[in-house]
PDB file of N, CA and C in Angstrom:
ATOM      1  N   MET A   1     -49.843 -16.259  49.240  1.00  0.00           N
ATOM      2  CA  MET A   1     -48.736 -15.633  49.944  1.00  0.00           C
ATOM      3  C   MET A   1     -48.569 -16.322  51.299  1.00  0.00           C
ATOM      4  N   THR A   2     -47.333 -16.514  51.695  1.00  0.00           N
ATOM      5  CA  THR A   2     -47.049 -17.154  52.980  1.00  0.00           C
ATOM      6  C   THR A   2     -46.168 -16.249  53.825  1.00  0.00           C
ATOM      7  N   THR A   3     -46.305 -16.355  55.140  1.00  0.00           N
ATOM      8  CA  THR A   3     -45.464 -15.566  56.040  1.00  0.00           C
ATOM      9  C   THR A   3     -44.196 -16.310  56.397  1.00  0.00           C
ATOM     10  N   THR A   4     -44.116 -17.569  56.011  1.00  0.00           N
ATOM     11  CA  THR A   4     -42.934 -18.375  56.300  1.00  0.00           C
ATOM     12  C   THR A   4     -42.124 -18.531  55.022  1.00  0.00           C
ATOM     13  N   PRO A   5     -40.850 -18.110  55.050  1.00  0.00           N
ATOM     14  CA  PRO A   5     -40.032 -18.270  53.854  1.00  0.00           C
ATOM     15  C   PRO A   5     -39.795 -19.741  53.560  1.00  0.00           C
ATOM     16  N   GLN A   6     -39.663 -20.051  52.304  1.00  0.00           N
ATOM     17  CA  GLN A   6     -39.382 -21.421  51.903  1.00  0.00           C
ATOM     18  C   GLN A   6     -37.885 -21.680  52.020  1.00  0.00           C
ATOM     19  N   GLN A   7     -37.543 -22.901  52.343  1.00  0.00           N
ATOM     20  CA  GLN A   7     -36.134 -23.268  52.447  1.00  0.00           C
ATOM     21  C   GLN A   7     -35.501 -23.230  51.063  1.00  0.00           C
ATOM     22  N   PRO A   8     -34.408 -22.482  50.899  1.00  0.00           N
ATOM     23  CA  PRO A   8     -33.745 -22.427  49.598  1.00  0.00           C
ATOM     24  C   PRO A   8     -33.208 -23.791  49.197  1.00  0.00           C
ATOM     25  N   ASP A   9     -33.233 -24.076  47.892  1.00  0.00           N
ATOM     26  CA  ASP A   9     -32.693 -25.336  47.384  1.00  0.00           C
ATOM     27  C   ASP A   9     -31.198 -25.422  47.674  1.00  0.00           C
ATOM     28  N   GLY A  10     -30.751 -26.595  48.041  1.00  0.00           N
ATOM     29  CA  GLY A  10     -29.338 -26.822  48.262  1.00  0.00           C
ATOM     30  C   GLY A  10     -28.860 -26.517  49.667  1.00  0.00           C
ATOM     31  N   TRP A  11     -29.717 -26.004  50.539  1.00  0.00           N
ATOM     32  CA  TRP A  11     -29.316 -25.729  51.919  1.00  0.00           C
ATOM     33  C   TRP A  11     -29.618 -26.947  52.767  1.00  0.00           C
ATOM     34  N   PRO A  12     -28.760 -27.223  53.752  1.00  0.00           N
ATOM     35  CA  PRO A  12     -29.035 -28.367  54.630  1.00  0.00           C
ATOM     36  C   PRO A  12     -30.343 -28.154  55.397  1.00  0.00           C
ATOM     37  N   ALA A  13     -31.119 -29.229  55.524  1.00  0.00           N
ATOM     38  CA  ALA A  13     -32.424 -29.135  56.190  1.00  0.00           C
ATOM     39  C   ALA A  13     -32.291 -28.710  57.649  1.00  0.00           C
ATOM     40  N   ASP A  14     -31.197 -29.082  58.315  1.00  0.00           N
ATOM     41  CA  ASP A  14     -31.051 -28.759  59.733  1.00  0.00           C
ATOM     42  C   ASP A  14     -30.601 -27.311  59.956  1.00  0.00           C
ATOM     43  N   ASP A  15     -30.306 -26.571  58.889  1.00  0.00           N
ATOM     44  CA  ASP A  15     -29.874 -25.177  58.998  1.00  0.00           C
ATOM     45  C   ASP A  15     -31.053 -24.213  58.888  1.00  0.00           C
ATOM     46  N   PHE A  16     -32.229 -24.709  58.524  1.00  0.00           N
ATOM     47  CA  PHE A  16     -33.406 -23.880  58.292  1.00  0.00           C
ATOM     48  C   PHE A  16     -34.262 -23.797  59.547  1.00  0.00           C
ATOM     49  N   ILE A  17     -34.644 -22.562  59.919  1.00  0.00           N
ATOM     50  CA  ILE A  17     -35.552 -22.352  61.051  1.00  0.00           C
ATOM     51  C   ILE A  17     -36.709 -21.514  60.541  1.00  0.00           C
ATOM     52  N   SER A  18     -37.924 -21.959  60.761  1.00  0.00           N
ATOM     53  CA  SER A  18     -39.092 -21.250  60.255  1.00  0.00           C
ATOM     54  C   SER A  18     -39.269 -19.911  60.984  1.00  0.00           C
ATOM     55  N   THR A  19     -39.983 -19.011  60.347  1.00  0.00           N
ATOM     56  CA  THR A  19     -40.278 -17.709  60.948  1.00  0.00           C
ATOM     57  C   THR A  19     -41.008 -17.890  62.266  1.00  0.00           C
ATOM     58  N   GLU A  20     -41.979 -18.779  62.283  1.00  0.00           N
ATOM     59  CA  GLU A  20     -42.750 -19.019  63.512  1.00  0.00           C
ATOM     60  C   GLU A  20     -41.855 -19.476  64.661  1.00  0.00           C
ATOM     61  N   GLU A  21     -40.867 -20.335  64.355  1.00  0.00           N
ATOM     62  CA  GLU A  21     -39.951 -20.812  65.391  1.00  0.00           C
ATOM     63  C   GLU A  21     -39.054 -19.687  65.890  1.00  0.00           C
ATOM     64  N   LEU A  22     -38.571 -18.843  64.982  1.00  0.00           N
ATOM     65  CA  LEU A  22     -37.753 -17.701  65.403  1.00  0.00           C
ATOM     66  C   LEU A  22     -38.551 -16.761  66.298  1.00  0.00           C
ATOM     67  N   VAL A  23     -39.800 -16.506  65.942  1.00  0.00           N
ATOM     68  CA  VAL A  23     -40.674 -15.654  66.756  1.00  0.00           C
ATOM     69  C   VAL A  23     -40.838 -16.256  68.145  1.00  0.00           C
ATOM     70  N   ARG A  24     -41.082 -17.555  68.206  1.00  0.00           N
ATOM     71  CA  ARG A  24     -41.263 -18.224  69.493  1.00  0.00           C
ATOM     72  C   ARG A  24     -40.001 -18.136  70.341  1.00  0.00           C
ATOM     73  N   ARG A  25     -38.841 -18.397  69.734  1.00  0.00           N
ATOM     74  CA  ARG A  25     -37.576 -18.383  70.472  1.00  0.00           C
ATOM     75  C   ARG A  25     -37.221 -16.993  70.992  1.00  0.00           C
ATOM     76  N   GLN A  26     -37.532 -15.970  70.206  1.00  0.00           N
ATOM     77  CA  GLN A  26     -37.143 -14.608  70.575  1.00  0.00           C
ATOM     78  C   GLN A  26     -38.212 -13.872  71.369  1.00  0.00           C
ATOM     79  N   GLY A  27     -39.392 -14.460  71.501  1.00  0.00           N
ATOM     80  CA  GLY A  27     -40.448 -13.827  72.279  1.00  0.00           C
ATOM     81  C   GLY A  27     -40.992 -12.560  71.639  1.00  0.00           C
ATOM     82  N   VAL A  28     -40.966 -12.509  70.321  1.00  0.00           N
ATOM     83  CA  VAL A  28     -41.430 -11.329  69.593  1.00  0.00           C
ATOM     84  C   VAL A  28     -42.944 -11.217  69.710  1.00  0.00           C
ATOM     85  N   ARG A  29     -43.435  -9.992  69.883  1.00  0.00           N
ATOM     86  CA  ARG A  29     -44.867  -9.732  69.969  1.00  0.00           C
ATOM     87  C   ARG A  29     -45.249  -8.708  68.909  1.00  0.00           C
ATOM     88  N   PRO A  30     -46.480  -8.772  68.400  1.00  0.00           N
ATOM     89  CA  PRO A  30     -46.911  -7.788  67.399  1.00  0.00           C
ATOM     90  C   PRO A  30     -46.987  -6.387  67.991  1.00  0.00           C
ATOM     91  N   LEU A  31     -46.772  -5.387  67.134  1.00  0.00           N
ATOM     92  CA  LEU A  31     -46.932  -3.997  67.559  1.00  0.00           C
ATOM     93  C   LEU A  31     -48.409  -3.726  67.803  1.00  0.00           C
ATOM     94  N   THR A  32     -48.703  -2.992  68.852  1.00  0.00           N
ATOM     95  CA  THR A  32     -50.091  -2.631  69.135  1.00  0.00           C
ATOM     96  C   THR A  32     -50.354  -1.161  68.839  1.00  0.00           C
ATOM     97  N   SER A  33     -49.287  -0.384  68.714  1.00  0.00           N
ATOM     98  CA  SER A  33     -49.406   1.049  68.462  1.00  0.00           C
ATOM     99  C   SER A  33     -48.102   1.551  67.852  1.00  0.00           C
ATOM    100  N   VAL A  34     -48.183   2.655  67.143  1.00  0.00           N
ATOM    101  CA  VAL A  34     -46.976   3.247  66.571  1.00  0.00           C
ATOM    102  C   VAL A  34     -46.010   3.688  67.670  1.00  0.00           C
ATOM    103  N   THR A  35     -46.510   3.959  68.858  1.00  0.00           N
ATOM    104  CA  THR A  35     -45.630   4.352  69.968  1.00  0.00           C
ATOM    105  C   THR A  35     -44.736   3.197  70.423  1.00  0.00           C
ATOM    106  N   ASP A  36     -45.082   1.966  70.037  1.00  0.00           N
ATOM    107  CA  ASP A  36     -44.216   0.826  70.346  1.00  0.00           C
ATOM    108  C   ASP A  36     -42.854   0.964  69.660  1.00  0.00           C
ATOM    109  N   LEU A  37     -42.790   1.765  68.602  1.00  0.00           N
ATOM    110  CA  LEU A  37     -41.545   1.955  67.866  1.00  0.00           C
ATOM    111  C   LEU A  37     -40.652   3.025  68.485  1.00  0.00           C
ATOM    112  N   ALA A  38     -41.195   3.824  69.391  1.00  0.00           N
ATOM    113  CA  ALA A  38     -40.437   4.921  69.984  1.00  0.00           C
ATOM    114  C   ALA A  38     -39.370   4.390  70.946  1.00  0.00           C
ATOM    115  N   ALA A  39     -38.237   5.067  70.967  1.00  0.00           N
ATOM    116  CA  ALA A  39     -37.156   4.693  71.885  1.00  0.00           C
ATOM    117  C   ALA A  39     -37.543   5.059  73.319  1.00  0.00           C
ATOM    118  N   ASP A  40     -37.097   4.252  74.262  1.00  0.00           N
ATOM    119  CA  ASP A  40     -37.358   4.548  75.671  1.00  0.00           C
ATOM    120  C   ASP A  40     -36.561   5.760  76.135  1.00  0.00           C
ATOM    121  N   VAL A  41     -35.370   5.917  75.587  1.00  0.00           N
ATOM    122  CA  VAL A  41     -34.484   7.024  75.947  1.00  0.00           C
ATOM    123  C   VAL A  41     -34.052   7.709  74.659  1.00  0.00           C
ATOM    124  N   ASP A  42     -34.079   9.043  74.633  1.00  0.00           N
ATOM    125  CA  ASP A  42     -33.650   9.794  73.454  1.00  0.00           C
ATOM    126  C   ASP A  42     -32.160   9.544  73.214  1.00  0.00           C
ATOM    127  N   PRO A  43     -31.795   9.062  72.021  1.00  0.00           N
ATOM    128  CA  PRO A  43     -30.380   8.756  71.758  1.00  0.00           C
ATOM    129  C   PRO A  43     -29.512  10.005  71.567  1.00  0.00           C
ATOM    130  N   PHE A  44     -30.133  11.182  71.434  1.00  0.00           N
ATOM    131  CA  PHE A  44     -29.384  12.415  71.228  1.00  0.00           C
ATOM    132  C   PHE A  44     -29.503  13.300  72.461  1.00  0.00           C
ATOM    133  N   GLU A  45     -28.388  13.900  72.857  1.00  0.00           N
ATOM    134  CA  GLU A  45     -28.376  14.738  74.057  1.00  0.00           C
ATOM    135  C   GLU A  45     -29.012  16.098  73.826  1.00  0.00           C
ATOM    136  N   SER A  46     -29.041  16.538  72.543  1.00  0.00           N
ATOM    137  CA  SER A  46     -29.599  17.861  72.261  1.00  0.00           C
ATOM    138  C   SER A  46     -30.103  17.904  70.821  1.00  0.00           C
ATOM    139  N   ASP A  47     -30.874  18.946  70.523  1.00  0.00           N
ATOM    140  CA  ASP A  47     -31.335  19.155  69.148  1.00  0.00           C
ATOM    141  C   ASP A  47     -30.149  19.425  68.229  1.00  0.00           C
ATOM    142  N   GLU A  48     -29.121  20.082  68.757  1.00  0.00           N
ATOM    143  CA  GLU A  48     -27.917  20.368  67.960  1.00  0.00           C
ATOM    144  C   GLU A  48     -27.224  19.066  67.565  1.00  0.00           C
ATOM    145  N   GLU A  49     -27.087  18.147  68.500  1.00  0.00           N
ATOM    146  CA  GLU A  49     -26.457  16.866  68.202  1.00  0.00           C
ATOM    147  C   GLU A  49     -27.276  16.106  67.151  1.00  0.00           C
ATOM    148  N   PHE A  50     -28.601  16.154  67.259  1.00  0.00           N
ATOM    149  CA  PHE A  50     -29.466  15.510  66.277  1.00  0.00           C
ATOM    150  C   PHE A  50     -29.276  16.144  64.896  1.00  0.00           C
ATOM    151  N   GLY A  51     -29.194  17.472  64.852  1.00  0.00           N
ATOM    152  CA  GLY A  51     -28.967  18.177  63.593  1.00  0.00           C
ATOM    153  C   GLY A  51     -27.642  17.798  62.963  1.00  0.00           C
ATOM    154  N   GLU A  52     -26.605  17.657  63.773  1.00  0.00           N
ATOM    155  CA  GLU A  52     -25.292  17.238  63.266  1.00  0.00           C
ATOM    156  C   GLU A  52     -25.348  15.821  62.699  1.00  0.00           C
ATOM    157  N   PHE A  53     -26.073  14.957  63.386  1.00  0.00           N
ATOM    158  CA  PHE A  53     -26.247  13.588  62.908  1.00  0.00           C
ATOM    159  C   PHE A  53     -26.921  13.584  61.537  1.00  0.00           C
ATOM    160  N   LEU A  54     -28.019  14.338  61.402  1.00  0.00           N
ATOM    161  CA  LEU A  54     -28.726  14.393  60.124  1.00  0.00           C
ATOM    162  C   LEU A  54     -27.848  14.966  59.018  1.00  0.00           C
ATOM    163  N   ALA A  55     -27.104  16.020  59.317  1.00  0.00           N
ATOM    164  CA  ALA A  55     -26.215  16.622  58.320  1.00  0.00           C
ATOM    165  C   ALA A  55     -25.187  15.605  57.845  1.00  0.00           C
ATOM    166  N   ASP A  56     -24.611  14.849  58.757  1.00  0.00           N
ATOM    167  CA  ASP A  56     -23.632  13.825  58.399  1.00  0.00           C
ATOM    168  C   ASP A  56     -24.286  12.706  57.591  1.00  0.00           C
ATOM    169  N   LEU A  57     -25.474  12.298  57.987  1.00  0.00           N
ATOM    170  CA  LEU A  57     -26.198  11.252  57.270  1.00  0.00           C
ATOM    171  C   LEU A  57     -26.479  11.679  55.834  1.00  0.00           C
ATOM    172  N   TYR A  58     -27.012  12.873  55.655  1.00  0.00           N
ATOM    173  CA  TYR A  58     -27.323  13.368  54.313  1.00  0.00           C
ATOM    174  C   TYR A  58     -26.059  13.506  53.462  1.00  0.00           C
ATOM    175  N   ALA A  59     -24.980  13.973  54.069  1.00  0.00           N
ATOM    176  CA  ALA A  59     -23.709  14.114  53.340  1.00  0.00           C
ATOM    177  C   ALA A  59     -23.198  12.757  52.881  1.00  0.00           C
ATOM    178  N   SER A  60     -23.285  11.760  53.741  1.00  0.00           N
ATOM    179  CA  SER A  60     -22.807  10.419  53.378  1.00  0.00           C
ATOM    180  C   SER A  60     -23.668   9.822  52.279  1.00  0.00           C
ATOM    181  N   ARG A  61     -24.940  10.111  52.271  1.00  0.00           N
ATOM    182  CA  ARG A  61     -25.813   9.590  51.208  1.00  0.00           C
ATOM    183  C   ARG A  61     -25.483  10.229  49.863  1.00  0.00           C
ATOM    184  N   ARG A  62     -25.196  11.523  49.869  1.00  0.00           N
ATOM    185  CA  ARG A  62     -24.832  12.198  48.632  1.00  0.00           C
ATOM    186  C   ARG A  62     -23.497  11.673  48.094  1.00  0.00           C
ATOM    187  N   THR A  63     -22.564  11.366  48.969  1.00  0.00           N
ATOM    188  CA  THR A  63     -21.258  10.850  48.576  1.00  0.00           C
ATOM    189  C   THR A  63     -21.399   9.483  47.918  1.00  0.00           C
ATOM    190  N   ASP A  64     -22.243   8.617  48.486  1.00  0.00           N
ATOM    191  CA  ASP A  64     -22.411   7.266  47.962  1.00  0.00           C
ATOM    192  C   ASP A  64     -23.105   7.242  46.608  1.00  0.00           C
ATOM    193  N   SER A  65     -23.903   8.251  46.307  1.00  0.00           N
ATOM    194  CA  SER A  65     -24.666   8.242  45.053  1.00  0.00           C
ATOM    195  C   SER A  65     -23.852   8.769  43.876  1.00  0.00           C
ATOM    196  N   ALA A  66     -22.688   9.353  44.143  1.00  0.00           N
ATOM    197  CA  ALA A  66     -21.879   9.925  43.050  1.00  0.00           C
ATOM    198  C   ALA A  66     -20.996   8.897  42.407  1.00  0.00           C
TER     199      ALA A  66
END
């Protein structure tokens, strides 16, 4: 198993950027804790707004599956 994807056949060689190069360019660092995934600021102003978001999300998922 490799962490670097292989260049697909038929793609120009100059269009391919390795995973390692993308990581270097973007300054990505490994997660050290699950709290690294937490948002710095709560995107919802209230629990009610969060509940409305979830209700809409669930409704849209049910619509797409029919």
